[in-house]
Amino acid sequence: MDKYVSWMAILRLLSGSAEITAALIMLRLNQVDKALAVNSALALVGPTVLVLTTAIGLTGMAQNLSPSKLCWVAAGVSCLLIGILKK
């Protein structure tokens, strides 16, 4: 198995575990204001995992892509991040 795929999968598993843990914490707290605080903390996890996983994937692909194709991929990722982070 490719080491880049392994790292990407590990990050996604950790992210999913954080989501499930947060849901269980919300159920245990049983208060809307506290559940909202837990949900807000999760808002930091999603984009961070997206950026890290994408960076790992691009690092793994960089050796197989031509510079022009790599620029197109980077442009697409940039557009994605702008769309997600712009308010």
PDB file of N, CA and C in Angstrom:
ATOM      1  N   MET A   1       0.851  -1.181   0.000  1.00  0.00           N
ATOM      2  CA  MET A   1       0.000   0.000   0.000  1.00  0.00           C
ATOM      3  C   MET A   1       0.896   1.243   0.000  1.00  0.00           C
ATOM      4  N   ASP A   2       0.468   2.230  -0.716  1.00  0.00           N
ATOM      5  CA  ASP A   2       1.209   3.485  -0.816  1.00  0.00           C
ATOM      6  C   ASP A   2       1.174   4.229   0.525  1.00  0.00           C
ATOM      7  N   LYS A   3       2.314   4.767   0.934  1.00  0.00           N
ATOM      8  CA  LYS A   3       2.378   5.437   2.239  1.00  0.00           C
ATOM      9  C   LYS A   3       1.501   6.686   2.285  1.00  0.00           C
ATOM     10  N   TYR A   4       1.336   7.357   1.147  1.00  0.00           N
ATOM     11  CA  TYR A   4       0.494   8.552   1.129  1.00  0.00           C
ATOM     12  C   TYR A   4      -0.972   8.195   1.356  1.00  0.00           C
ATOM     13  N   VAL A   5      -1.407   7.100   0.752  1.00  0.00           N
ATOM     14  CA  VAL A   5      -2.792   6.654   0.941  1.00  0.00           C
ATOM     15  C   VAL A   5      -3.020   6.273   2.402  1.00  0.00           C
ATOM     16  N   SER A   6      -2.025   5.618   3.006  1.00  0.00           N
ATOM     17  CA  SER A   6      -2.151   5.227   4.414  1.00  0.00           C
ATOM     18  C   SER A   6      -2.330   6.451   5.311  1.00  0.00           C
ATOM     19  N   TRP A   7      -1.511   7.475   5.096  1.00  0.00           N
ATOM     20  CA  TRP A   7      -1.615   8.688   5.910  1.00  0.00           C
ATOM     21  C   TRP A   7      -2.940   9.395   5.687  1.00  0.00           C
ATOM     22  N   MET A   8      -3.398   9.430   4.434  1.00  0.00           N
ATOM     23  CA  MET A   8      -4.689  10.063   4.151  1.00  0.00           C
ATOM     24  C   MET A   8      -5.810   9.302   4.857  1.00  0.00           C
ATOM     25  N   ALA A   9      -5.761   7.982   4.815  1.00  0.00           N
ATOM     26  CA  ALA A   9      -6.793   7.165   5.459  1.00  0.00           C
ATOM     27  C   ALA A   9      -6.763   7.338   6.978  1.00  0.00           C
ATOM     28  N   ILE A  10      -5.560   7.391   7.548  1.00  0.00           N
ATOM     29  CA  ILE A  10      -5.443   7.582   8.999  1.00  0.00           C
ATOM     30  C   ILE A  10      -6.057   8.920   9.410  1.00  0.00           C
ATOM     31  N   LEU A  11      -5.771   9.973   8.655  1.00  0.00           N
ATOM     32  CA  LEU A  11      -6.360  11.282   8.965  1.00  0.00           C
ATOM     33  C   LEU A  11      -7.877  11.240   8.902  1.00  0.00           C
ATOM     34  N   ARG A  12      -8.411  10.586   7.885  1.00  0.00           N
ATOM     35  CA  ARG A  12      -9.872  10.499   7.751  1.00  0.00           C
ATOM     36  C   ARG A  12     -10.491   9.667   8.876  1.00  0.00           C
ATOM     37  N   LEU A  13      -9.802   8.600   9.285  1.00  0.00           N
ATOM     38  CA  LEU A  13     -10.300   7.803  10.414  1.00  0.00           C
ATOM     39  C   LEU A  13     -10.313   8.618  11.700  1.00  0.00           C
ATOM     40  N   LEU A  14      -9.249   9.388  11.931  1.00  0.00           N
ATOM     41  CA  LEU A  14      -9.207  10.253  13.118  1.00  0.00           C
ATOM     42  C   LEU A  14     -10.306  11.306  13.064  1.00  0.00           C
ATOM     43  N   SER A  15     -10.520  11.870  11.886  1.00  0.00           N
ATOM     44  CA  SER A  15     -11.576  12.872  11.726  1.00  0.00           C
ATOM     45  C   SER A  15     -12.951  12.266  11.999  1.00  0.00           C
ATOM     46  N   GLY A  16     -13.190  11.089  11.447  1.00  0.00           N
ATOM     47  CA  GLY A  16     -14.465  10.409  11.683  1.00  0.00           C
ATOM     48  C   GLY A  16     -14.662  10.055  13.150  1.00  0.00           C
ATOM     49  N   SER A  17     -13.585   9.636  13.795  1.00  0.00           N
ATOM     50  CA  SER A  17     -13.653   9.322  15.227  1.00  0.00           C
ATOM     51  C   SER A  17     -13.984  10.570  16.043  1.00  0.00           C
ATOM     52  N   ALA A  18     -13.402  11.699  15.649  1.00  0.00           N
ATOM     53  CA  ALA A  18     -13.709  12.958  16.334  1.00  0.00           C
ATOM     54  C   ALA A  18     -15.178  13.323  16.159  1.00  0.00           C
ATOM     55  N   GLU A  19     -15.723  13.099  14.970  1.00  0.00           N
ATOM     56  CA  GLU A  19     -17.141  13.398  14.712  1.00  0.00           C
ATOM     57  C   GLU A  19     -18.051  12.522  15.574  1.00  0.00           C
ATOM     58  N   ILE A  20     -17.753  11.234  15.634  1.00  0.00           N
ATOM     59  CA  ILE A  20     -18.573  10.317  16.429  1.00  0.00           C
ATOM     60  C   ILE A  20     -18.466  10.651  17.915  1.00  0.00           C
ATOM     61  N   THR A  21     -17.246  10.936  18.371  1.00  0.00           N
ATOM     62  CA  THR A  21     -17.047  11.310  19.770  1.00  0.00           C
ATOM     63  C   THR A  21     -17.828  12.576  20.108  1.00  0.00           C
ATOM     64  N   ALA A  22     -17.782  13.552  19.208  1.00  0.00           N
ATOM     65  CA  ALA A  22     -18.518  14.802  19.438  1.00  0.00           C
ATOM     66  C   ALA A  22     -20.021  14.550  19.512  1.00  0.00           C
ATOM     67  N   ALA A  23     -20.528  13.677  18.659  1.00  0.00           N
ATOM     68  CA  ALA A  23     -21.959  13.363  18.697  1.00  0.00           C
ATOM     69  C   ALA A  23     -22.333  12.708  20.029  1.00  0.00           C
ATOM     70  N   LEU A  24     -21.484  11.806  20.507  1.00  0.00           N
ATOM     71  CA  LEU A  24     -21.763  11.167  21.796  1.00  0.00           C
ATOM     72  C   LEU A  24     -21.695  12.175  22.944  1.00  0.00           C
ATOM     73  N   ILE A  25     -20.748  13.095  22.871  1.00  0.00           N
ATOM     74  CA  ILE A  25     -20.648  14.142  23.898  1.00  0.00           C
ATOM     75  C   ILE A  25     -21.898  15.014  23.886  1.00  0.00           C
ATOM     76  N   MET A  26     -22.364  15.364  22.684  1.00  0.00           N
ATOM     77  CA  MET A  26     -23.586  16.177  22.573  1.00  0.00           C
ATOM     78  C   MET A  26     -24.776  15.468  23.215  1.00  0.00           C
ATOM     79  N   LEU A  27     -24.899  14.159  22.940  1.00  0.00           N
ATOM     80  CA  LEU A  27     -26.004  13.399  23.536  1.00  0.00           C
ATOM     81  C   LEU A  27     -25.879  13.342  25.053  1.00  0.00           C
ATOM     82  N   ARG A  28     -24.663  13.198  25.526  1.00  0.00           N
ATOM     83  CA  ARG A  28     -24.433  13.112  26.982  1.00  0.00           C
ATOM     84  C   ARG A  28     -24.712  14.451  27.665  1.00  0.00           C
ATOM     85  N   LEU A  29     -24.316  15.553  27.042  1.00  0.00           N
ATOM     86  CA  LEU A  29     -24.535  16.874  27.637  1.00  0.00           C
ATOM     87  C   LEU A  29     -26.014  17.231  27.683  1.00  0.00           C
ATOM     88  N   ASN A  30     -26.740  16.877  26.618  1.00  0.00           N
ATOM     89  CA  ASN A  30     -28.189  17.064  26.548  1.00  0.00           C
ATOM     90  C   ASN A  30     -28.625  18.514  26.775  1.00  0.00           C
ATOM     91  N   GLN A  31     -27.804  19.462  26.327  1.00  0.00           N
ATOM     92  CA  GLN A  31     -28.153  20.881  26.399  1.00  0.00           C
ATOM     93  C   GLN A  31     -27.749  21.530  25.077  1.00  0.00           C
ATOM     94  N   VAL A  32     -28.658  22.312  24.539  1.00  0.00           N
ATOM     95  CA  VAL A  32     -28.431  22.900  23.217  1.00  0.00           C
ATOM     96  C   VAL A  32     -27.202  23.800  23.208  1.00  0.00           C
ATOM     97  N   ASP A  33     -27.032  24.639  24.222  1.00  0.00           N
ATOM     98  CA  ASP A  33     -25.911  25.583  24.218  1.00  0.00           C
ATOM     99  C   ASP A  33     -24.561  24.866  24.279  1.00  0.00           C
ATOM    100  N   LYS A  34     -24.480  23.822  25.075  1.00  0.00           N
ATOM    101  CA  LYS A  34     -23.227  23.069  25.173  1.00  0.00           C
ATOM    102  C   LYS A  34     -22.982  22.238  23.910  1.00  0.00           C
ATOM    103  N   ALA A  35     -24.046  21.685  23.351  1.00  0.00           N
ATOM    104  CA  ALA A  35     -23.915  20.920  22.104  1.00  0.00           C
ATOM    105  C   ALA A  35     -23.452  21.834  20.965  1.00  0.00           C
ATOM    106  N   LEU A  36     -23.941  23.056  20.964  1.00  0.00           N
ATOM    107  CA  LEU A  36     -23.523  24.023  19.951  1.00  0.00           C
ATOM    108  C   LEU A  36     -22.040  24.363  20.097  1.00  0.00           C
ATOM    109  N   ALA A  37     -21.559  24.440  21.321  1.00  0.00           N
ATOM    110  CA  ALA A  37     -20.136  24.696  21.557  1.00  0.00           C
ATOM    111  C   ALA A  37     -19.282  23.543  21.041  1.00  0.00           C
ATOM    112  N   VAL A  38     -19.730  22.306  21.271  1.00  0.00           N
ATOM    113  CA  VAL A  38     -19.008  21.138  20.762  1.00  0.00           C
ATOM    114  C   VAL A  38     -19.026  21.157  19.234  1.00  0.00           C
ATOM    115  N   ASN A  39     -20.167  21.479  18.656  1.00  0.00           N
ATOM    116  CA  ASN A  39     -20.283  21.549  17.203  1.00  0.00           C
ATOM    117  C   ASN A  39     -19.375  22.629  16.624  1.00  0.00           C
ATOM    118  N   SER A  40     -19.252  23.730  17.309  1.00  0.00           N
ATOM    119  CA  SER A  40     -18.377  24.810  16.852  1.00  0.00           C
ATOM    120  C   SER A  40     -16.911  24.375  16.855  1.00  0.00           C
ATOM    121  N   ALA A  41     -16.533  23.602  17.850  1.00  0.00           N
ATOM    122  CA  ALA A  41     -15.162  23.086  17.895  1.00  0.00           C
ATOM    123  C   ALA A  41     -14.902  22.161  16.711  1.00  0.00           C
ATOM    124  N   LEU A  42     -15.917  21.424  16.300  1.00  0.00           N
ATOM    125  CA  LEU A  42     -15.774  20.540  15.140  1.00  0.00           C
ATOM    126  C   LEU A  42     -15.586  21.321  13.845  1.00  0.00           C
ATOM    127  N   ALA A  43     -16.054  22.553  13.818  1.00  0.00           N
ATOM    128  CA  ALA A  43     -15.913  23.367  12.614  1.00  0.00           C
ATOM    129  C   ALA A  43     -14.442  23.603  12.271  1.00  0.00           C
ATOM    130  N   LEU A  44     -13.568  23.487  13.241  1.00  0.00           N
ATOM    131  CA  LEU A  44     -12.130  23.624  12.982  1.00  0.00           C
ATOM    132  C   LEU A  44     -11.531  22.334  12.436  1.00  0.00           C
ATOM    133  N   VAL A  45     -12.098  21.213  12.820  1.00  0.00           N
ATOM    134  CA  VAL A  45     -11.528  19.918  12.434  1.00  0.00           C
ATOM    135  C   VAL A  45     -11.710  19.648  10.945  1.00  0.00           C
ATOM    136  N   GLY A  46     -12.906  19.884  10.424  1.00  0.00           N
ATOM    137  CA  GLY A  46     -13.213  19.559   9.024  1.00  0.00           C
ATOM    138  C   GLY A  46     -12.279  20.199   8.019  1.00  0.00           C
ATOM    139  N   PRO A  47     -12.177  21.528   7.999  1.00  0.00           N
ATOM    140  CA  PRO A  47     -11.282  22.165   7.027  1.00  0.00           C
ATOM    141  C   PRO A  47      -9.812  21.806   7.223  1.00  0.00           C
ATOM    142  N   THR A  48      -9.413  21.617   8.471  1.00  0.00           N
ATOM    143  CA  THR A  48      -8.023  21.249   8.737  1.00  0.00           C
ATOM    144  C   THR A  48      -7.701  19.884   8.141  1.00  0.00           C
ATOM    145  N   VAL A  49      -8.598  18.926   8.341  1.00  0.00           N
ATOM    146  CA  VAL A  49      -8.389  17.596   7.779  1.00  0.00           C
ATOM    147  C   VAL A  49      -8.427  17.652   6.257  1.00  0.00           C
ATOM    148  N   LEU A  50      -9.323  18.460   5.685  1.00  0.00           N
ATOM    149  CA  LEU A  50      -9.394  18.618   4.229  1.00  0.00           C
ATOM    150  C   LEU A  50      -8.064  19.117   3.677  1.00  0.00           C
ATOM    151  N   VAL A  51      -7.520  20.164   4.282  1.00  0.00           N
ATOM    152  CA  VAL A  51      -6.266  20.749   3.800  1.00  0.00           C
ATOM    153  C   VAL A  51      -5.119  19.756   3.960  1.00  0.00           C
ATOM    154  N   LEU A  52      -5.020  19.107   5.118  1.00  0.00           N
ATOM    155  CA  LEU A  52      -3.928  18.156   5.343  1.00  0.00           C
ATOM    156  C   LEU A  52      -4.010  16.954   4.404  1.00  0.00           C
ATOM    157  N   THR A  53      -5.203  16.400   4.244  1.00  0.00           N
ATOM    158  CA  THR A  53      -5.372  15.246   3.368  1.00  0.00           C
ATOM    159  C   THR A  53      -5.058  15.614   1.924  1.00  0.00           C
ATOM    160  N   THR A  54      -5.513  16.785   1.489  1.00  0.00           N
ATOM    161  CA  THR A  54      -5.228  17.241   0.133  1.00  0.00           C
ATOM    162  C   THR A  54      -3.732  17.467  -0.060  1.00  0.00           C
ATOM    163  N   ALA A  55      -3.086  18.050   0.937  1.00  0.00           N
ATOM    164  CA  ALA A  55      -1.639  18.285   0.845  1.00  0.00           C
ATOM    165  C   ALA A  55      -0.876  16.973   0.734  1.00  0.00           C
ATOM    166  N   ILE A  56      -1.274  15.985   1.517  1.00  0.00           N
ATOM    167  CA  ILE A  56      -0.626  14.677   1.443  1.00  0.00           C
ATOM    168  C   ILE A  56      -0.856  14.042   0.073  1.00  0.00           C
ATOM    169  N   GLY A  57      -2.076  14.117  -0.416  1.00  0.00           N
ATOM    170  CA  GLY A  57      -2.386  13.566  -1.735  1.00  0.00           C
ATOM    171  C   GLY A  57      -1.605  14.255  -2.844  1.00  0.00           C
ATOM    172  N   LEU A  58      -1.514  15.569  -2.779  1.00  0.00           N
ATOM    173  CA  LEU A  58      -0.757  16.306  -3.801  1.00  0.00           C
ATOM    174  C   LEU A  58       0.727  15.981  -3.738  1.00  0.00           C
ATOM    175  N   THR A  59       1.232  15.791  -2.527  1.00  0.00           N
ATOM    176  CA  THR A  59       2.635  15.407  -2.377  1.00  0.00           C
ATOM    177  C   THR A  59       2.877  14.055  -3.047  1.00  0.00           C
ATOM    178  N   GLY A  60       1.971  13.132  -2.847  1.00  0.00           N
ATOM    179  CA  GLY A  60       2.102  11.815  -3.462  1.00  0.00           C
ATOM    180  C   GLY A  60       1.954  11.838  -4.968  1.00  0.00           C
ATOM    181  N   MET A  61       1.106  12.732  -5.475  1.00  0.00           N
ATOM    182  CA  MET A  61       0.882  12.820  -6.918  1.00  0.00           C
ATOM    183  C   MET A  61       1.933  13.653  -7.631  1.00  0.00           C
ATOM    184  N   ALA A  62       2.630  14.494  -6.915  1.00  0.00           N
ATOM    185  CA  ALA A  62       3.556  15.431  -7.539  1.00  0.00           C
ATOM    186  C   ALA A  62       4.612  14.723  -8.376  1.00  0.00           C
ATOM    187  N   GLN A  63       5.025  13.564  -7.952  1.00  0.00           N
ATOM    188  CA  GLN A  63       6.050  12.850  -8.695  1.00  0.00           C
ATOM    189  C   GLN A  63       5.516  12.237  -9.985  1.00  0.00           C
ATOM    190  N   ASN A  64       4.211  12.071 -10.110  1.00  0.00           N
ATOM    191  CA  ASN A  64       3.617  11.444 -11.295  1.00  0.00           C
ATOM    192  C   ASN A  64       3.012  12.445 -12.275  1.00  0.00           C
ATOM    193  N   LEU A  65       2.855  13.692 -11.871  1.00  0.00           N
ATOM    194  CA  LEU A  65       2.196  14.685 -12.724  1.00  0.00           C
ATOM    195  C   LEU A  65       3.207  15.635 -13.349  1.00  0.00           C
ATOM    196  N   SER A  66       2.845  16.102 -14.521  1.00  0.00           N
ATOM    197  CA  SER A  66       3.655  17.145 -15.146  1.00  0.00           C
ATOM    198  C   SER A  66       3.403  18.452 -14.402  1.00  0.00           C
ATOM    199  N   PRO A  67       4.337  19.394 -14.488  1.00  0.00           N
ATOM    200  CA  PRO A  67       4.141  20.668 -13.783  1.00  0.00           C
ATOM    201  C   PRO A  67       2.852  21.394 -14.180  1.00  0.00           C
ATOM    202  N   SER A  68       2.466  21.330 -15.451  1.00  0.00           N
ATOM    203  CA  SER A  68       1.240  22.022 -15.864  1.00  0.00           C
ATOM    204  C   SER A  68      -0.003  21.375 -15.235  1.00  0.00           C
ATOM    205  N   LYS A  69      -0.037  20.048 -15.183  1.00  0.00           N
ATOM    206  CA  LYS A  69      -1.182  19.374 -14.561  1.00  0.00           C
ATOM    207  C   LYS A  69      -1.214  19.640 -13.058  1.00  0.00           C
ATOM    208  N   LEU A  70      -0.052  19.696 -12.441  1.00  0.00           N
ATOM    209  CA  LEU A  70       0.015  19.996 -11.018  1.00  0.00           C
ATOM    210  C   LEU A  70      -0.515  21.402 -10.733  1.00  0.00           C
ATOM    211  N   CYS A  71      -0.233  22.342 -11.631  1.00  0.00           N
ATOM    212  CA  CYS A  71      -0.763  23.708 -11.487  1.00  0.00           C
ATOM    213  C   CYS A  71      -2.290  23.704 -11.573  1.00  0.00           C
ATOM    214  N   TRP A  72      -2.851  22.898 -12.487  1.00  0.00           N
ATOM    215  CA  TRP A  72      -4.311  22.817 -12.596  1.00  0.00           C
ATOM    216  C   TRP A  72      -4.927  22.237 -11.327  1.00  0.00           C
ATOM    217  N   VAL A  73      -4.280  21.218 -10.774  1.00  0.00           N
ATOM    218  CA  VAL A  73      -4.770  20.624  -9.528  1.00  0.00           C
ATOM    219  C   VAL A  73      -4.709  21.649  -8.400  1.00  0.00           C
ATOM    220  N   ALA A  74      -3.600  22.370  -8.310  1.00  0.00           N
ATOM    221  CA  ALA A  74      -3.445  23.396  -7.266  1.00  0.00           C
ATOM    222  C   ALA A  74      -4.493  24.499  -7.434  1.00  0.00           C
ATOM    223  N   ALA A  75      -4.780  24.878  -8.677  1.00  0.00           N
ATOM    224  CA  ALA A  75      -5.809  25.896  -8.929  1.00  0.00           C
ATOM    225  C   ALA A  75      -7.184  25.401  -8.472  1.00  0.00           C
ATOM    226  N   GLY A  76      -7.479  24.129  -8.735  1.00  0.00           N
ATOM    227  CA  GLY A  76      -8.758  23.558  -8.310  1.00  0.00           C
ATOM    228  C   GLY A  76      -8.890  23.513  -6.795  1.00  0.00           C
ATOM    229  N   VAL A  77      -7.819  23.119  -6.127  1.00  0.00           N
ATOM    230  CA  VAL A  77      -7.829  23.078  -4.663  1.00  0.00           C
ATOM    231  C   VAL A  77      -7.980  24.483  -4.099  1.00  0.00           C
ATOM    232  N   SER A  78      -7.305  25.442  -4.722  1.00  0.00           N
ATOM    233  CA  SER A  78      -7.427  26.839  -4.273  1.00  0.00           C
ATOM    234  C   SER A  78      -8.864  27.328  -4.402  1.00  0.00           C
ATOM    235  N   CYS A  79      -9.498  27.031  -5.516  1.00  0.00           N
ATOM    236  CA  CYS A  79     -10.899  27.429  -5.704  1.00  0.00           C
ATOM    237  C   CYS A  79     -11.794  26.784  -4.650  1.00  0.00           C
ATOM    238  N   LEU A  80     -11.528  25.516  -4.351  1.00  0.00           N
ATOM    239  CA  LEU A  80     -12.297  24.819  -3.334  1.00  0.00           C
ATOM    240  C   LEU A  80     -12.153  25.500  -1.973  1.00  0.00           C
ATOM    241  N   LEU A  81     -10.925  25.820  -1.603  1.00  0.00           N
ATOM    242  CA  LEU A  81     -10.685  26.449  -0.308  1.00  0.00           C
ATOM    243  C   LEU A  81     -11.273  27.849  -0.246  1.00  0.00           C
ATOM    244  N   ILE A  82     -11.170  28.599  -1.328  1.00  0.00           N
ATOM    245  CA  ILE A  82     -11.781  29.935  -1.365  1.00  0.00           C
ATOM    246  C   ILE A  82     -13.280  29.829  -1.181  1.00  0.00           C
ATOM    247  N   GLY A  83     -13.897  28.865  -1.853  1.00  0.00           N
ATOM    248  CA  GLY A  83     -15.347  28.664  -1.744  1.00  0.00           C
ATOM    249  C   GLY A  83     -15.772  28.262  -0.343  1.00  0.00           C
ATOM    250  N   ILE A  84     -14.939  27.495   0.329  1.00  0.00           N
ATOM    251  CA  ILE A  84     -15.288  27.030   1.675  1.00  0.00           C
ATOM    252  C   ILE A  84     -15.056  28.118   2.710  1.00  0.00           C
ATOM    253  N   LEU A  85     -13.932  28.811   2.595  1.00  0.00           N
ATOM    254  CA  LEU A  85     -13.513  29.728   3.666  1.00  0.00           C
ATOM    255  C   LEU A  85     -14.007  31.162   3.505  1.00  0.00           C
ATOM    256  N   LYS A  86     -14.391  31.543   2.286  1.00  0.00           N
ATOM    257  CA  LYS A  86     -14.826  32.935   2.063  1.00  0.00           C
ATOM    258  C   LYS A  86     -16.213  33.153   2.657  1.00  0.00           C
ATOM    259  N   LYS A  87     -16.375  34.296   3.319  1.00  0.00           N
ATOM    260  CA  LYS A  87     -17.662  34.588   3.961  1.00  0.00           C
ATOM    261  C   LYS A  87     -18.351  35.727   3.271  1.00  0.00           C
TER     262      LYS A  87
END
